[in-house]
Amino acid sequence: MKSKFTVAVAIGSLFLFSLAGCKNSVLDLSPAQGSWKVFGEVKGGVYAINFVSVLDGWAVVHKDYTSLSQQTDKKAKPADDTGWFVCVTHDSGQNYEVLDKKKTHNIRFVNFADPSTGWALDEDNSILKTTDSGQNWQVQRKAGMVDYKDARYKDKPVQKVKEPLQAIVTANTTTAFAYGGGFHGEGVEQEGILLTTTDGGSTWQKLPFLFQQNIKAIFFRDAQHGWVYDNGGTLYRTTDGGHQWVISISGKGVAPLIGMYFINADEGWIVGKAGDMRHSTDGGKTWQAQKVPVTNTLQSVYFLDKNNGWAGGADGAMIGTSDGGNHWYKQTSDTDQAIAHIQFFNPETGWAASQNGKILKYEPPK
């Protein structure tokens, strides 16, 4: 099954949405809605998981320099086992193997369209592709240069830097999107990058980066329909593959929402701080609040269909629904760390990643 994911960083505390009432109910532990057990573990914080089959999956991991090396000398070089790493599993997530960066172009991010076809970013921000499940990678596009403006440097306020590509989103085996940058602050302006390919990566085209701030969450349901939520709290949608964007909700400079998921071009959910859960049936033009039995920040949401969905977030909080969010139920998890990502193949088979390196597997109710 095609997987979707979002990449998000939490900031801000206020955001305005058009709400149309709260008709759903909150239930706690009955009826049972399954639980989450630690099934595997990697060293570092997991920022994305991407399963391409029930057995085969990938994890993007960041190992913190300070906590791992315990170095106090600021001039000391980072240890070899710090930074971004990619891990692969072939036993449903029970064991993970870290890719040897020296043999894999220093890959730091991956996302697959199917079990064979995937794209990656390396530490030079080049885009790579594999068609043999990651055994071999070919560089498709090397990073270009963009402007970085910083008014604090009077002698050289504008500098050329490498395109700050952050991640890749796949729509299918021929269409993918790469993005990054776009931060604007006091005296600082970073050029934003949005790229797309529609021919399997043979060519990559620059799309207009029309967002007011850097991208906080992005989701493409297919090659045409996509949504972006920026760090200014504005939600955008496209129906033509990113060539044009329409503002669905205008932000106010802060962004309390974090993760989103759409099951088709019309129906989706978005989650955020303080148990914020919202549902749209018109492509994101309007949103209705859904009550949930937690007040934790929710970071990730995933729906298999219009009925079956899950969400997770701070302190290992997990919730599930089997009726499209009319009722949400608490689910137990084996971690008290933030849940960064959720993915399912069917109602009985799902994974979640926590930011302390735990990989959890879903256990359906018996």
Protein backbone atom coordinates (compact mmCIF):
# COMPACT_ATOMS: atom_id res chain seq x y z
CA MET A 1 0.00 0.00 0.00
CA LYS A 2 1.24 3.45 -0.82
CA SER A 3 2.49 5.24 2.25
CA LYS A 4 2.20 8.89 3.11
CA PHE A 5 4.05 10.90 5.58
CA THR A 6 4.52 14.36 6.88
CA VAL A 7 7.54 16.14 8.17
CA ALA A 8 6.91 18.54 11.03
CA VAL A 9 8.50 20.65 13.75
CA ALA A 10 6.40 22.03 16.61
CA ILE A 11 6.34 25.77 17.26
CA GLY A 12 3.73 28.39 18.06
CA SER A 13 0.55 28.42 20.10
CA LEU A 14 -2.28 30.11 18.17
CA PHE A 15 -4.03 29.33 14.91
CA LEU A 16 -7.51 30.11 13.59
CA PHE A 17 -9.64 27.58 11.76
CA SER A 18 -13.26 27.71 10.63
CA LEU A 19 -14.98 25.26 12.96
CA ALA A 20 -18.44 23.82 12.43
CA GLY A 21 -19.27 22.39 15.82
CA CYS A 22 -18.28 19.30 17.79
CA LYS A 23 -20.70 16.41 17.39
CA ASN A 24 -18.42 13.51 18.18
CA SER A 25 -18.03 11.79 21.53
CA VAL A 26 -15.05 11.04 23.77
CA LEU A 27 -14.58 7.53 25.13
CA ASP A 28 -11.60 6.20 27.05
CA LEU A 29 -10.76 2.51 27.13
CA SER A 30 -13.99 0.71 26.20
CA PRO A 31 -14.49 -0.87 23.76
CA ALA A 32 -10.88 -1.96 23.33
CA GLN A 33 -9.11 -0.40 20.38
CA GLY A 34 -5.79 -2.21 20.44
CA SER A 35 -2.43 -1.37 22.00
CA TRP A 36 1.15 -0.61 20.99
CA LYS A 37 4.16 -2.72 21.99
CA VAL A 38 7.86 -2.00 21.46
CA PHE A 39 8.94 -4.30 18.65
CA GLY A 40 12.36 -2.92 17.74
CA GLU A 41 14.77 -0.14 18.61
CA VAL A 42 17.39 2.03 16.93
CA LYS A 43 19.92 4.39 18.47
CA GLY A 44 18.75 7.96 18.09
CA GLY A 45 15.52 9.83 17.51
CA VAL A 46 13.27 8.47 14.76
CA TYR A 47 11.88 11.22 12.54
CA ALA A 48 10.18 9.09 9.87
CA ILE A 49 9.37 5.48 9.09
CA ASN A 50 8.48 4.19 5.65
CA PHE A 51 7.34 0.58 5.29
CA VAL A 52 7.11 -0.68 1.71
CA SER A 53 5.79 -4.14 2.61
CA VAL A 54 4.74 -5.97 5.77
CA LEU A 55 8.37 -7.05 6.26
CA ASP A 56 10.47 -4.31 4.63
CA GLY A 57 10.82 -0.78 5.95
CA TRP A 58 13.08 2.20 6.42
CA ALA A 59 13.66 4.60 9.31
CA VAL A 60 15.24 8.05 9.29
CA VAL A 61 17.20 8.54 12.51
CA HIS A 62 19.08 11.44 14.03
CA LYS A 63 21.78 10.80 16.62
CA ASP A 64 22.46 13.84 18.74
CA TYR A 65 26.06 15.05 18.79
CA THR A 66 26.06 16.26 22.38
CA SER A 67 24.36 13.29 24.03
CA LEU A 68 26.37 10.71 22.11
CA SER A 69 29.85 12.19 22.15
CA GLN A 70 29.67 13.94 25.54
CA GLN A 71 32.27 16.39 24.28
CA THR A 72 32.75 19.76 25.90
CA ASP A 73 35.44 21.01 23.54
CA LYS A 74 33.59 23.14 20.98
CA LYS A 75 36.46 22.68 18.53
CA ALA A 76 36.27 18.91 18.71
CA LYS A 77 35.02 17.15 15.61
CA PRO A 78 31.67 15.32 15.84
CA ALA A 79 31.87 11.59 16.41
CA ASP A 80 31.39 9.27 13.45
CA ASP A 81 28.16 7.92 14.90
CA THR A 82 26.34 11.27 15.12
CA GLY A 83 24.08 13.08 12.67
CA TRP A 84 21.49 11.69 10.24
CA PHE A 85 21.30 7.96 9.51
CA VAL A 86 19.02 5.66 7.55
CA CYS A 87 18.14 2.19 8.86
CA VAL A 88 16.49 -0.70 7.01
CA THR A 89 14.53 -3.70 8.31
CA HIS A 90 13.48 -6.91 6.59
CA ASP A 91 11.68 -8.54 9.54
CA SER A 92 8.75 -6.18 10.07
CA GLY A 93 10.75 -3.82 12.29
CA GLN A 94 12.15 -6.20 14.86
CA ASN A 95 15.76 -5.58 13.78
CA TYR A 96 17.29 -2.67 11.90
CA GLU A 97 20.53 -2.37 9.98
CA VAL A 98 22.21 1.04 9.66
CA LEU A 99 23.19 1.86 6.09
CA ASP A 100 26.93 2.40 5.64
CA LYS A 101 27.09 6.03 4.55
CA LYS A 102 30.39 5.51 2.77
CA LYS A 103 28.71 2.90 0.55
CA THR A 104 25.41 4.69 0.08
CA HIS A 105 26.37 8.24 -0.93
CA ASN A 106 25.96 9.53 2.66
CA ILE A 107 22.19 9.15 2.43
CA ARG A 108 20.31 10.96 5.20
CA PHE A 109 16.67 10.70 4.11
CA VAL A 110 14.59 8.16 2.12
CA ASN A 111 11.01 7.77 0.95
CA PHE A 112 9.66 4.93 -1.19
CA ALA A 113 6.79 4.85 -3.67
CA ASP A 114 6.67 1.04 -3.77
CA PRO A 115 8.89 -1.83 -2.56
CA SER A 116 11.41 -1.18 -5.36
CA THR A 117 11.28 2.51 -6.20
CA GLY A 118 12.45 5.20 -3.80
CA TRP A 119 14.17 8.55 -3.60
CA ALA A 120 16.75 9.85 -1.14
CA LEU A 121 18.66 12.94 -0.09
CA ASP A 122 22.35 12.82 0.78
CA GLU A 123 24.34 15.13 3.04
CA ASP A 124 25.17 17.36 0.07
CA ASN A 125 21.42 17.75 -0.60
CA SER A 126 21.66 15.82 -3.85
CA ILE A 127 18.64 13.75 -4.92
CA LEU A 128 19.19 10.03 -5.50
CA LYS A 129 16.95 7.23 -6.74
CA THR A 130 16.80 3.45 -6.39
CA THR A 131 14.80 0.92 -8.41
CA ASP A 132 16.08 -2.18 -6.60
CA SER A 133 14.86 -1.61 -3.03
CA GLY A 134 17.88 0.46 -2.02
CA GLN A 135 20.63 -1.94 -3.07
CA ASN A 136 21.96 0.66 -5.51
CA TRP A 137 21.44 4.41 -5.70
CA GLN A 138 22.01 6.82 -8.59
CA VAL A 139 22.41 10.58 -8.24
CA GLN A 140 19.67 12.28 -10.26
CA ARG A 141 20.19 15.90 -9.31
CA LYS A 142 22.95 17.73 -7.51
CA ALA A 143 21.98 20.61 -5.25
CA GLY A 144 22.16 24.08 -6.75
CA MET A 145 22.89 27.38 -5.02
CA VAL A 146 20.37 29.84 -3.59
CA ASP A 147 20.46 33.20 -1.82
CA TYR A 148 20.67 33.46 1.95
CA LYS A 149 20.19 36.98 3.32
CA ASP A 150 21.34 38.00 6.78
CA ALA A 151 21.33 41.70 7.63
CA ARG A 152 23.71 41.12 10.57
CA TYR A 153 26.59 40.70 8.13
CA LYS A 154 26.94 44.25 6.86
CA ASP A 155 29.88 43.51 4.59
CA LYS A 156 28.12 40.58 2.87
CA PRO A 157 24.40 40.53 3.64
CA VAL A 158 23.62 38.14 0.75
CA GLN A 159 25.45 34.85 0.43
CA LYS A 160 25.14 31.85 -1.87
CA VAL A 161 24.43 28.55 -0.09
CA LYS A 162 23.38 25.07 -1.19
CA GLU A 163 19.70 24.49 -1.71
CA PRO A 164 18.42 23.58 1.80
CA LEU A 165 16.45 20.49 0.78
CA GLN A 166 14.80 18.92 3.82
CA ALA A 167 12.80 15.92 2.61
CA ILE A 168 11.11 14.15 -0.30
CA VAL A 169 7.46 13.19 -0.69
CA THR A 170 6.51 10.50 -3.21
CA ALA A 171 3.14 10.48 -4.97
CA ASN A 172 3.80 7.42 -7.15
CA THR A 173 6.69 5.78 -9.00
CA THR A 174 6.98 8.67 -11.47
CA THR A 175 6.00 11.71 -9.39
CA ALA A 176 7.78 13.07 -6.33
CA PHE A 177 8.37 16.39 -4.57
CA ALA A 178 11.45 17.72 -2.76
CA TYR A 179 11.38 20.78 -0.54
CA GLY A 180 13.21 22.88 2.04
CA GLY A 181 14.15 26.36 3.19
CA GLY A 182 11.85 29.36 3.17
CA PHE A 183 12.56 30.65 6.68
CA HIS A 184 11.94 34.37 7.25
CA GLY A 185 12.94 36.09 10.47
CA GLU A 186 14.18 39.45 11.68
CA GLY A 187 16.91 40.42 9.24
CA VAL A 188 17.10 36.86 7.87
CA GLU A 189 15.63 35.56 4.63
CA GLN A 190 16.19 32.05 3.32
CA GLU A 191 15.11 31.15 -0.19
CA GLY A 192 12.55 28.37 -0.28
CA ILE A 193 12.82 25.40 -2.64
CA LEU A 194 10.04 23.23 -4.04
CA LEU A 195 10.92 20.73 -6.78
CA THR A 196 8.91 18.12 -8.64
CA THR A 197 9.51 15.32 -11.08
CA THR A 198 6.83 13.66 -13.23
CA ASP A 199 9.12 11.38 -15.23
CA GLY A 200 10.64 9.26 -12.49
CA GLY A 201 13.39 11.77 -11.73
CA SER A 202 14.92 12.11 -15.19
CA THR A 203 14.17 15.81 -14.85
CA TRP A 204 13.34 17.96 -11.82
CA GLN A 205 11.38 21.19 -12.20
CA LYS A 206 11.32 24.17 -9.83
CA LEU A 207 7.84 25.04 -8.63
CA PRO A 208 6.88 28.42 -7.16
CA PHE A 209 7.55 28.57 -3.41
CA LEU A 210 4.59 30.77 -2.47
CA PHE A 211 4.53 29.99 1.24
CA GLN A 212 5.00 32.77 3.77
CA GLN A 213 7.27 30.66 5.97
CA ASN A 214 9.21 27.41 5.84
CA ILE A 215 7.16 24.22 5.48
CA LYS A 216 6.10 22.58 8.72
CA ALA A 217 3.96 19.78 7.26
CA ILE A 218 3.35 18.58 3.71
CA PHE A 219 1.11 15.87 2.30
CA PHE A 220 0.35 14.70 -1.24
CA ARG A 221 -2.55 12.31 -1.75
CA ASP A 222 -1.62 11.83 -5.40
CA ALA A 223 0.30 13.61 -8.15
CA GLN A 224 -2.17 16.51 -8.26
CA HIS A 225 -3.67 17.03 -4.80
CA GLY A 226 -1.44 18.31 -2.03
CA TRP A 227 -1.44 20.42 1.13
CA VAL A 228 1.23 22.50 2.88
CA TYR A 229 1.12 23.91 6.39
CA ASP A 230 3.81 26.50 7.05
CA ASN A 231 5.43 27.78 10.23
CA GLY A 232 3.37 30.94 10.00
CA GLY A 233 0.21 28.88 10.55
CA THR A 234 -1.13 29.13 6.98
CA LEU A 235 -2.62 26.11 5.21
CA TYR A 236 -2.35 25.89 1.41
CA ARG A 237 -3.73 23.38 -1.08
CA THR A 238 -2.99 22.58 -4.70
CA THR A 239 -5.00 20.66 -7.29
CA ASP A 240 -2.46 20.84 -10.13
CA GLY A 241 0.65 19.23 -8.71
CA GLY A 242 2.03 22.30 -6.95
CA HIS A 243 2.03 24.80 -9.82
CA GLN A 244 -0.64 26.89 -8.12
CA TRP A 245 -1.53 27.13 -4.44
CA VAL A 246 -4.67 28.46 -2.78
CA ILE A 247 -4.74 29.58 0.85
CA SER A 248 -7.32 27.55 2.76
CA ILE A 249 -6.66 29.13 6.14
CA SER A 250 -4.64 32.28 6.82
CA GLY A 251 -2.21 32.04 9.72
CA LYS A 252 -1.36 34.60 12.38
CA GLY A 253 2.38 34.02 12.61
CA VAL A 254 2.33 30.97 14.88
CA ALA A 255 1.52 27.35 14.07
CA PRO A 256 0.05 25.00 16.69
CA LEU A 257 -0.85 22.28 14.19
CA ILE A 258 1.69 19.62 13.24
CA GLY A 259 0.56 16.56 11.25
CA MET A 260 -2.07 15.88 8.58
CA TYR A 261 -3.44 13.06 6.47
CA PHE A 262 -5.96 12.95 3.61
CA ILE A 263 -7.63 9.75 2.36
CA ASN A 264 -8.72 11.42 -0.90
CA ALA A 265 -8.88 14.87 -2.46
CA ASP A 266 -11.67 15.94 -0.09
CA GLU A 267 -11.46 14.22 3.29
CA GLY A 268 -8.63 14.65 5.76
CA TRP A 269 -7.56 15.23 9.35
CA ILE A 270 -5.05 17.57 10.95
CA VAL A 271 -3.67 17.41 14.50
CA GLY A 272 -1.70 19.60 16.85
CA LYS A 273 -1.19 20.97 20.33
CA ALA A 274 -3.37 20.20 23.37
CA GLY A 275 -5.14 17.29 21.68
CA ASP A 276 -6.25 19.41 18.74
CA MET A 277 -7.98 17.19 16.14
CA ARG A 278 -9.80 18.63 13.11
CA HIS A 279 -11.63 17.01 10.19
CA SER A 280 -12.37 18.34 6.71
CA THR A 281 -14.64 16.96 3.98
CA ASP A 282 -14.08 19.74 1.42
CA GLY A 283 -10.37 19.48 0.71
CA GLY A 284 -9.35 21.64 3.66
CA LYS A 285 -11.52 24.69 3.00
CA THR A 286 -13.33 24.27 6.32
CA TRP A 287 -12.60 22.19 9.41
CA GLN A 288 -14.70 20.67 12.17
CA ALA A 289 -13.25 19.94 15.62
CA GLN A 290 -13.31 16.35 16.87
CA LYS A 291 -13.15 15.58 20.58
CA VAL A 292 -10.35 13.28 21.70
CA PRO A 293 -9.68 11.71 25.12
CA VAL A 294 -6.22 13.27 25.52
CA THR A 295 -4.78 16.75 25.96
CA ASN A 296 -1.30 15.80 24.78
CA THR A 297 0.18 17.43 21.71
CA LEU A 298 -0.65 15.19 18.73
CA GLN A 299 2.13 14.99 16.14
CA SER A 300 1.06 12.29 13.69
CA VAL A 301 -2.22 11.06 12.24
CA TYR A 302 -2.92 8.20 9.81
CA PHE A 303 -6.15 6.86 8.27
CA LEU A 304 -6.51 3.64 6.30
CA ASP A 305 -9.94 4.66 5.05
CA LYS A 306 -12.74 6.99 6.06
CA ASN A 307 -13.40 4.95 9.23
CA ASN A 308 -10.15 3.54 10.64
CA GLY A 309 -7.61 6.03 11.94
CA TRP A 310 -4.93 6.54 14.57
CA ALA A 311 -3.09 9.51 16.05
CA GLY A 312 -0.13 9.83 18.40
CA GLY A 313 1.95 12.45 20.10
CA ALA A 314 3.65 13.67 23.26
CA ASP A 315 4.34 11.33 26.19
CA GLY A 316 3.56 8.26 24.07
CA ALA A 317 -0.11 9.21 23.72
CA MET A 318 -2.00 7.05 21.21
CA ILE A 319 -5.66 7.16 20.19
CA GLY A 320 -7.75 5.29 17.63
CA THR A 321 -11.11 5.47 15.89
CA SER A 322 -13.19 3.04 13.83
CA ASP A 323 -15.93 5.47 12.80
CA GLY A 324 -14.09 8.35 11.16
CA GLY A 325 -13.46 10.20 14.40
CA ASN A 326 -16.99 10.35 15.76
CA HIS A 327 -15.55 8.41 18.70
CA TRP A 328 -11.88 8.32 19.66
CA TYR A 329 -10.44 5.86 22.19
CA LYS A 330 -7.24 5.85 24.22
CA GLN A 331 -4.71 3.15 23.38
CA THR A 332 -1.85 2.01 25.58
CA SER A 333 1.75 2.27 24.36
CA ASP A 334 5.07 1.01 25.65
CA THR A 335 6.74 4.41 25.58
CA ASP A 336 6.43 7.77 27.29
CA GLN A 337 8.31 9.53 24.48
CA ALA A 338 6.72 11.52 21.66
CA ILE A 339 5.26 9.54 18.77
CA ALA A 340 6.74 11.03 15.60
CA HIS A 341 5.14 8.90 12.89
CA ILE A 342 2.41 6.30 12.31
CA GLN A 343 1.86 4.01 9.32
CA PHE A 344 -0.58 1.16 8.62
CA PHE A 345 -0.96 -1.51 5.91
CA ASN A 346 -4.28 -2.90 7.08
CA PRO A 347 -6.41 -2.69 10.26
CA GLU A 348 -4.21 -5.29 11.99
CA THR A 349 -0.74 -4.22 10.81
CA GLY A 350 0.72 -0.86 11.81
CA TRP A 351 3.86 0.75 13.18
CA ALA A 352 4.71 3.87 15.14
CA ALA A 353 8.06 5.51 15.81
CA SER A 354 8.97 7.37 18.98
CA GLN A 355 11.62 10.05 19.15
CA ASN A 356 13.75 8.02 21.56
CA GLY A 357 14.36 5.30 18.97
CA LYS A 358 11.57 2.89 19.88
CA ILE A 359 9.68 1.21 17.02
CA LEU A 360 6.23 0.13 18.18
CA LYS A 361 3.92 -2.34 16.50
CA TYR A 362 0.15 -2.30 16.73
CA GLU A 363 -1.63 -5.16 18.47
CA PRO A 364 -5.32 -5.26 17.49
CA PRO A 365 -7.97 -5.99 20.12
CA LYS A 366 -8.55 -9.69 20.75
